[in-house]
């Protein structure tokens, strides 16, 4: 049985997204050719950044 509440789950997601951002930044720095690879990584990083902003806002505005 899961003992975490909803806010704790959102906090977990925020931590996972932050780790994903770090990994994607590392991948971007170490990206090889072709340039399409780097663009795909950048696109994924942008999506993770957006999700991280949303999760952070959810935590900041969480009621209760």
C-alpha atoms as a PDB file:
ATOM      1  CA  UNK A   1       0.000   0.000   0.000  1.00  0.00           C
ATOM      2  CA  UNK A   2       1.237   3.457  -0.916  1.00  0.00           C
ATOM      3  CA  UNK A   3       1.611   5.768   2.081  1.00  0.00           C
ATOM      4  CA  UNK A   4       2.421   8.959   0.165  1.00  0.00           C
ATOM      5  CA  UNK A   5      -0.123  11.684  -0.316  1.00  0.00           C
ATOM      6  CA  UNK A   6      -0.725  13.468  -3.617  1.00  0.00           C
ATOM      7  CA  UNK A   7       1.637  16.354  -2.824  1.00  0.00           C
ATOM      8  CA  UNK A   8       4.445  13.906  -2.032  1.00  0.00           C
ATOM      9  CA  UNK A   9       3.888  12.167  -5.361  1.00  0.00           C
ATOM     10  CA  UNK A  10       4.095  15.499  -7.182  1.00  0.00           C
ATOM     11  CA  UNK A  11       7.314  16.257  -5.282  1.00  0.00           C
ATOM     12  CA  UNK A  12       8.698  12.899  -6.444  1.00  0.00           C
ATOM     13  CA  UNK A  13       7.835  13.766 -10.034  1.00  0.00           C
ATOM     14  CA  UNK A  14       9.580  17.130  -9.638  1.00  0.00           C
ATOM     15  CA  UNK A  15      12.713  15.351  -8.424  1.00  0.00           C
ATOM     16  CA  UNK A  16      12.597  12.867 -11.309  1.00  0.00           C
ATOM     17  CA  UNK A  17      12.139  15.649 -13.834  1.00  0.00           C
ATOM     18  CA  UNK A  18      15.044  17.567 -12.332  1.00  0.00           C
ATOM     19  CA  UNK A  19      17.226  14.474 -12.681  1.00  0.00           C
ATOM     20  CA  UNK A  20      16.009  13.983 -16.252  1.00  0.00           C
ATOM     21  CA  UNK A  21      16.966  17.596 -17.016  1.00  0.00           C
ATOM     22  CA  UNK A  22      20.498  16.992 -15.702  1.00  0.00           C
ATOM     23  CA  UNK A  23      20.859  13.825 -17.776  1.00  0.00           C
ATOM     24  CA  UNK A  24      19.559  15.521 -20.921  1.00  0.00           C
ATOM     25  CA  UNK A  25      21.931  18.451 -20.433  1.00  0.00           C
ATOM     26  CA  UNK A  26      24.784  15.947 -20.190  1.00  0.00           C
ATOM     27  CA  UNK A  27      23.542  14.195 -23.313  1.00  0.00           C
ATOM     28  CA  UNK A  28      23.359  17.524 -25.124  1.00  0.00           C
ATOM     29  CA  UNK A  29      26.956  18.346 -24.207  1.00  0.00           C
ATOM     30  CA  UNK A  30      28.123  14.922 -25.389  1.00  0.00           C
ATOM     31  CA  UNK A  31      25.941  14.668 -28.484  1.00  0.00           C
ATOM     32  CA  UNK A  32      27.623  13.262 -31.544  1.00  0.00           C
ATOM     33  CA  UNK A  33      26.702  13.680 -35.163  1.00  0.00           C
ATOM     34  CA  UNK A  34      24.289  13.875 -36.935  1.00  0.00           C
ATOM     35  CA  UNK A  35      22.956  17.256 -35.792  1.00  0.00           C
ATOM     36  CA  UNK A  36      19.438  15.807 -35.760  1.00  0.00           C
ATOM     37  CA  UNK A  37      20.415  13.888 -32.619  1.00  0.00           C
ATOM     38  CA  UNK A  38      21.290  17.093 -30.809  1.00  0.00           C
ATOM     39  CA  UNK A  39      18.010  18.690 -31.919  1.00  0.00           C
ATOM     40  CA  UNK A  40      15.976  15.717 -30.697  1.00  0.00           C
ATOM     41  CA  UNK A  41      17.714  15.878 -27.330  1.00  0.00           C
ATOM     42  CA  UNK A  42      17.081  19.629 -27.166  1.00  0.00           C
ATOM     43  CA  UNK A  43      13.407  19.117 -28.010  1.00  0.00           C
ATOM     44  CA  UNK A  44      13.114  16.528 -25.243  1.00  0.00           C
ATOM     45  CA  UNK A  45      14.914  18.835 -22.812  1.00  0.00           C
ATOM     46  CA  UNK A  46      12.469  21.625 -23.677  1.00  0.00           C
ATOM     47  CA  UNK A  47       9.522  19.314 -22.947  1.00  0.00           C
ATOM     48  CA  UNK A  48      11.057  18.244 -19.619  1.00  0.00           C
ATOM     49  CA  UNK A  49      11.676  21.888 -18.688  1.00  0.00           C
ATOM     50  CA  UNK A  50       8.025  22.698 -19.385  1.00  0.00           C
ATOM     51  CA  UNK A  51       6.834  19.712 -17.342  1.00  0.00           C
ATOM     52  CA  UNK A  52       9.178  20.677 -14.499  1.00  0.00           C
ATOM     53  CA  UNK A  53       7.805  24.216 -14.469  1.00  0.00           C
ATOM     54  CA  UNK A  54       4.273  22.846 -14.325  1.00  0.00           C
ATOM     55  CA  UNK A  55       5.061  20.391 -11.508  1.00  0.00           C
ATOM     56  CA  UNK A  56       6.854  23.102  -9.552  1.00  0.00           C
ATOM     57  CA  UNK A  57       3.856  25.414  -9.959  1.00  0.00           C
ATOM     58  CA  UNK A  58       1.588  22.618  -8.758  1.00  0.00           C
ATOM     59  CA  UNK A  59       3.664  22.251  -5.592  1.00  0.00           C
ATOM     60  CA  UNK A  60       3.822  25.996  -5.041  1.00  0.00           C
ATOM     61  CA  UNK A  61       0.079  26.432  -5.441  1.00  0.00           C
ATOM     62  CA  UNK A  62      -0.956  23.216  -3.685  1.00  0.00           C
ATOM     63  CA  UNK A  63      -3.765  23.729  -1.214  1.00  0.00           C
ATOM     64  CA  UNK A  64      -3.777  21.868   2.036  1.00  0.00           C
END
